[in-house]
Amino acid sequence: MHPTENKNPSASDEVRESHEIFLKSAISELAQLYEGETFSLSDLFRGYEWKRIPIQSRTLLGRYFLDFACKEEGKQLIGILNGPGRQRYVRR
């Protein structure tokens, strides 16, 4: 086995599945926002839920959410506001 290969592929599958669950949860919360409302990804989770997600996972989840926002389905729901600090979005 090559040193860079994952020795436990089921663990990576579990991590990927948990990120997909978090992403689906965030996307479903978009329906609760008003048109024109600005938000960050963390706003789509209850405070204690967001804090329970490990920091590395939050970063990866942020990338997945930004990727979703850039795709056609996401563009219909949200716009991206560029600025300093955390990524901000607006509900369309």
N, C-alpha and C. Protein backbone atom coordinates (compact mmCIF):
# COMPACT_ATOMS: atom_id res chain seq x y z
N MET A 1 0.85 -1.18 0.00
CA MET A 1 0.00 0.00 0.00
C MET A 1 0.89 1.24 0.00
N HIS A 2 0.58 2.20 -0.82
CA HIS A 2 1.32 3.44 -0.91
C HIS A 2 1.06 4.27 0.35
N PRO A 3 2.07 5.00 0.87
CA PRO A 3 1.88 5.75 2.12
C PRO A 3 0.79 6.81 2.06
N THR A 4 0.49 7.32 0.86
CA THR A 4 -0.53 8.35 0.77
C THR A 4 -1.93 7.78 0.61
N GLU A 5 -2.03 6.48 0.44
CA GLU A 5 -3.34 5.86 0.30
C GLU A 5 -4.02 5.78 1.65
N ASN A 6 -5.33 5.90 1.64
CA ASN A 6 -6.10 5.82 2.87
C ASN A 6 -6.17 4.37 3.31
N LYS A 7 -5.71 4.12 4.53
CA LYS A 7 -5.71 2.76 5.06
C LYS A 7 -7.09 2.30 5.47
N ASN A 8 -7.98 3.25 5.71
CA ASN A 8 -9.33 2.92 6.15
C ASN A 8 -10.34 3.70 5.30
N PRO A 9 -10.66 3.20 4.12
CA PRO A 9 -11.54 3.94 3.22
C PRO A 9 -12.93 4.17 3.80
N SER A 10 -13.38 3.31 4.70
CA SER A 10 -14.71 3.50 5.27
C SER A 10 -14.75 4.74 6.15
N ALA A 11 -13.64 5.10 6.79
CA ALA A 11 -13.59 6.30 7.60
C ALA A 11 -13.75 7.54 6.72
N SER A 12 -13.09 7.58 5.57
CA SER A 12 -13.22 8.73 4.68
C SER A 12 -14.63 8.80 4.10
N ASP A 13 -15.23 7.65 3.85
CA ASP A 13 -16.61 7.63 3.37
C ASP A 13 -17.55 8.21 4.42
N GLU A 14 -17.30 7.88 5.68
CA GLU A 14 -18.13 8.41 6.76
C GLU A 14 -17.99 9.92 6.87
N VAL A 15 -16.78 10.42 6.73
CA VAL A 15 -16.53 11.85 6.80
C VAL A 15 -17.23 12.56 5.64
N ARG A 16 -17.11 11.99 4.45
CA ARG A 16 -17.75 12.57 3.28
C ARG A 16 -19.27 12.59 3.46
N GLU A 17 -19.83 11.51 3.98
CA GLU A 17 -21.27 11.44 4.21
C GLU A 17 -21.72 12.48 5.24
N SER A 18 -20.93 12.69 6.29
CA SER A 18 -21.30 13.68 7.30
C SER A 18 -21.27 15.09 6.70
N HIS A 19 -20.29 15.37 5.83
CA HIS A 19 -20.25 16.67 5.17
C HIS A 19 -21.46 16.86 4.26
N GLU A 20 -21.86 15.80 3.58
CA GLU A 20 -23.04 15.88 2.71
C GLU A 20 -24.30 16.15 3.53
N ILE A 21 -24.39 15.53 4.72
CA ILE A 21 -25.54 15.76 5.59
C ILE A 21 -25.56 17.21 6.06
N PHE A 22 -24.40 17.74 6.48
CA PHE A 22 -24.32 19.14 6.90
C PHE A 22 -24.69 20.07 5.75
N LEU A 23 -24.20 19.78 4.55
CA LEU A 23 -24.50 20.61 3.39
C LEU A 23 -25.99 20.59 3.07
N LYS A 24 -26.59 19.42 3.08
CA LYS A 24 -28.03 19.32 2.82
C LYS A 24 -28.83 20.07 3.87
N SER A 25 -28.39 19.99 5.11
CA SER A 25 -29.06 20.71 6.19
C SER A 25 -28.99 22.22 5.96
N ALA A 26 -27.82 22.71 5.59
CA ALA A 26 -27.65 24.14 5.33
C ALA A 26 -28.52 24.59 4.16
N ILE A 27 -28.54 23.81 3.11
CA ILE A 27 -29.34 24.16 1.93
C ILE A 27 -30.82 24.18 2.27
N SER A 28 -31.27 23.23 3.08
CA SER A 28 -32.69 23.20 3.45
C SER A 28 -33.07 24.40 4.31
N GLU A 29 -32.12 24.93 5.09
CA GLU A 29 -32.40 26.09 5.93
C GLU A 29 -32.58 27.37 5.12
N LEU A 30 -32.12 27.37 3.88
CA LEU A 30 -32.28 28.56 3.04
C LEU A 30 -33.74 28.96 2.89
N ALA A 31 -34.63 27.99 2.95
CA ALA A 31 -36.06 28.26 2.81
C ALA A 31 -36.59 29.12 3.96
N GLN A 32 -35.89 29.14 5.08
CA GLN A 32 -36.32 29.91 6.25
C GLN A 32 -35.93 31.38 6.16
N LEU A 33 -35.06 31.72 5.21
CA LEU A 33 -34.59 33.10 5.08
C LEU A 33 -35.51 33.91 4.18
N TYR A 34 -35.59 35.21 4.46
CA TYR A 34 -36.36 36.12 3.62
C TYR A 34 -35.55 36.52 2.40
N GLU A 35 -36.23 36.86 1.33
CA GLU A 35 -35.56 37.35 0.14
C GLU A 35 -34.79 38.61 0.49
N GLY A 36 -33.54 38.68 0.07
CA GLY A 36 -32.70 39.84 0.33
C GLY A 36 -31.94 39.77 1.65
N GLU A 37 -32.21 38.76 2.46
CA GLU A 37 -31.55 38.63 3.76
C GLU A 37 -30.11 38.14 3.55
N THR A 38 -29.17 38.78 4.24
CA THR A 38 -27.77 38.36 4.15
C THR A 38 -27.45 37.39 5.29
N PHE A 39 -26.52 36.49 5.03
CA PHE A 39 -26.19 35.47 6.02
C PHE A 39 -24.82 34.89 5.73
N SER A 40 -24.28 34.21 6.72
CA SER A 40 -23.07 33.41 6.53
C SER A 40 -23.47 31.96 6.72
N LEU A 41 -22.61 31.06 6.36
CA LEU A 41 -22.91 29.64 6.49
C LEU A 41 -23.25 29.27 7.92
N SER A 42 -22.52 29.80 8.88
CA SER A 42 -22.77 29.46 10.28
C SER A 42 -24.16 29.89 10.74
N ASP A 43 -24.75 30.90 10.09
CA ASP A 43 -26.11 31.34 10.44
C ASP A 43 -27.16 30.28 10.14
N LEU A 44 -26.82 29.33 9.29
CA LEU A 44 -27.77 28.30 8.90
C LEU A 44 -27.81 27.14 9.88
N PHE A 45 -27.03 27.23 10.94
CA PHE A 45 -26.99 26.20 11.99
C PHE A 45 -27.27 26.85 13.33
N ARG A 46 -27.85 26.09 14.26
CA ARG A 46 -27.96 26.57 15.63
C ARG A 46 -26.55 26.71 16.17
N GLY A 47 -26.35 27.65 17.08
CA GLY A 47 -25.02 27.92 17.61
C GLY A 47 -24.31 26.69 18.12
N TYR A 48 -25.01 25.87 18.90
CA TYR A 48 -24.35 24.69 19.46
C TYR A 48 -24.06 23.66 18.37
N GLU A 49 -24.89 23.60 17.32
CA GLU A 49 -24.62 22.66 16.22
C GLU A 49 -23.34 23.06 15.49
N TRP A 50 -23.22 24.35 15.19
CA TRP A 50 -22.06 24.85 14.46
C TRP A 50 -20.78 24.61 15.27
N LYS A 51 -20.85 24.86 16.57
CA LYS A 51 -19.67 24.70 17.42
C LYS A 51 -19.25 23.25 17.57
N ARG A 52 -20.15 22.33 17.37
CA ARG A 52 -19.83 20.91 17.48
C ARG A 52 -19.15 20.37 16.22
N ILE A 53 -19.23 21.09 15.13
CA ILE A 53 -18.56 20.66 13.89
C ILE A 53 -17.09 21.03 14.03
N PRO A 54 -16.18 20.07 13.88
CA PRO A 54 -14.75 20.38 13.99
C PRO A 54 -14.34 21.47 12.99
N ILE A 55 -13.38 22.28 13.37
CA ILE A 55 -12.97 23.43 12.56
C ILE A 55 -12.56 23.01 11.15
N GLN A 56 -11.82 21.92 11.01
CA GLN A 56 -11.42 21.46 9.67
C GLN A 56 -12.65 21.11 8.84
N SER A 57 -13.65 20.54 9.47
CA SER A 57 -14.87 20.18 8.76
C SER A 57 -15.65 21.43 8.38
N ARG A 58 -15.65 22.45 9.24
CA ARG A 58 -16.34 23.71 8.91
C ARG A 58 -15.71 24.34 7.67
N THR A 59 -14.38 24.31 7.61
CA THR A 59 -13.68 24.87 6.46
C THR A 59 -14.06 24.14 5.18
N LEU A 60 -14.06 22.83 5.24
CA LEU A 60 -14.43 22.03 4.07
C LEU A 60 -15.89 22.25 3.71
N LEU A 61 -16.75 22.32 4.70
CA LEU A 61 -18.16 22.57 4.47
C LEU A 61 -18.35 23.94 3.80
N GLY A 62 -17.56 24.92 4.21
CA GLY A 62 -17.61 26.24 3.58
C GLY A 62 -17.26 26.17 2.10
N ARG A 63 -16.29 25.36 1.77
CA ARG A 63 -15.92 25.18 0.35
C ARG A 63 -17.05 24.51 -0.42
N TYR A 64 -17.65 23.49 0.18
CA TYR A 64 -18.76 22.80 -0.47
C TYR A 64 -19.94 23.75 -0.69
N PHE A 65 -20.22 24.59 0.32
CA PHE A 65 -21.35 25.51 0.21
C PHE A 65 -21.08 26.57 -0.85
N LEU A 66 -19.86 27.08 -0.89
CA LEU A 66 -19.50 28.05 -1.93
C LEU A 66 -19.61 27.42 -3.30
N ASP A 67 -19.17 26.17 -3.43
CA ASP A 67 -19.30 25.44 -4.69
C ASP A 67 -20.77 25.32 -5.09
N PHE A 68 -21.62 24.99 -4.13
CA PHE A 68 -23.06 24.91 -4.39
C PHE A 68 -23.60 26.27 -4.85
N ALA A 69 -23.17 27.34 -4.17
CA ALA A 69 -23.65 28.69 -4.50
C ALA A 69 -23.26 29.11 -5.91
N CYS A 70 -22.15 28.57 -6.41
CA CYS A 70 -21.67 28.92 -7.75
C CYS A 70 -22.34 28.10 -8.85
N LYS A 71 -22.97 26.99 -8.47
CA LYS A 71 -23.65 26.16 -9.46
C LYS A 71 -25.02 26.75 -9.77
N GLU A 72 -25.60 26.32 -10.86
CA GLU A 72 -26.87 26.88 -11.33
C GLU A 72 -27.97 26.81 -10.28
N GLU A 73 -28.13 25.68 -9.64
CA GLU A 73 -29.18 25.54 -8.62
C GLU A 73 -28.97 26.54 -7.48
N GLY A 74 -27.72 26.69 -7.06
CA GLY A 74 -27.42 27.62 -5.98
C GLY A 74 -27.59 29.07 -6.38
N LYS A 75 -27.26 29.40 -7.63
CA LYS A 75 -27.40 30.77 -8.10
C LYS A 75 -28.85 31.24 -8.06
N GLN A 76 -29.78 30.31 -8.20
CA GLN A 76 -31.20 30.66 -8.13
C GLN A 76 -31.62 31.00 -6.71
N LEU A 77 -30.91 30.47 -5.72
CA LEU A 77 -31.27 30.66 -4.32
C LEU A 77 -30.47 31.75 -3.62
N ILE A 78 -29.17 31.84 -3.95
CA ILE A 78 -28.32 32.75 -3.19
C ILE A 78 -27.32 33.46 -4.09
N GLY A 79 -26.91 34.63 -3.65
CA GLY A 79 -25.85 35.37 -4.30
C GLY A 79 -24.68 35.46 -3.34
N ILE A 80 -23.50 35.68 -3.87
CA ILE A 80 -22.29 35.74 -3.08
C ILE A 80 -21.88 37.19 -2.91
N LEU A 81 -21.67 37.60 -1.67
CA LEU A 81 -21.20 38.95 -1.38
C LEU A 81 -19.73 38.88 -1.03
N ASN A 82 -18.90 39.49 -1.82
CA ASN A 82 -17.46 39.47 -1.56
C ASN A 82 -17.09 40.60 -0.62
N GLY A 83 -16.23 40.31 0.31
CA GLY A 83 -15.77 41.31 1.26
C GLY A 83 -14.77 40.69 2.20
N PRO A 84 -14.22 41.52 3.09
CA PRO A 84 -13.24 40.99 4.03
C PRO A 84 -13.89 40.08 5.07
N GLY A 85 -13.11 39.18 5.62
CA GLY A 85 -13.62 38.30 6.66
C GLY A 85 -14.37 37.11 6.09
N ARG A 86 -15.36 36.67 6.83
CA ARG A 86 -16.11 35.48 6.42
C ARG A 86 -16.90 35.73 5.14
N GLN A 87 -17.12 34.65 4.41
CA GLN A 87 -17.92 34.72 3.19
C GLN A 87 -19.36 35.04 3.56
N ARG A 88 -19.96 35.98 2.87
CA ARG A 88 -21.36 36.36 3.12
C ARG A 88 -22.17 36.04 1.86
N TYR A 89 -23.44 35.78 2.07
CA TYR A 89 -24.36 35.44 0.99
C TYR A 89 -25.63 36.26 1.15
N VAL A 90 -26.43 36.32 0.11
CA VAL A 90 -27.73 36.96 0.17
C VAL A 90 -28.76 36.02 -0.44
N ARG A 91 -29.90 35.90 0.22
CA ARG A 91 -30.99 35.04 -0.26
C ARG A 91 -31.70 35.75 -1.38
N ARG A 92 -31.87 35.08 -2.51
CA ARG A 92 -32.58 35.68 -3.66
C ARG A 92 -34.04 35.35 -3.58
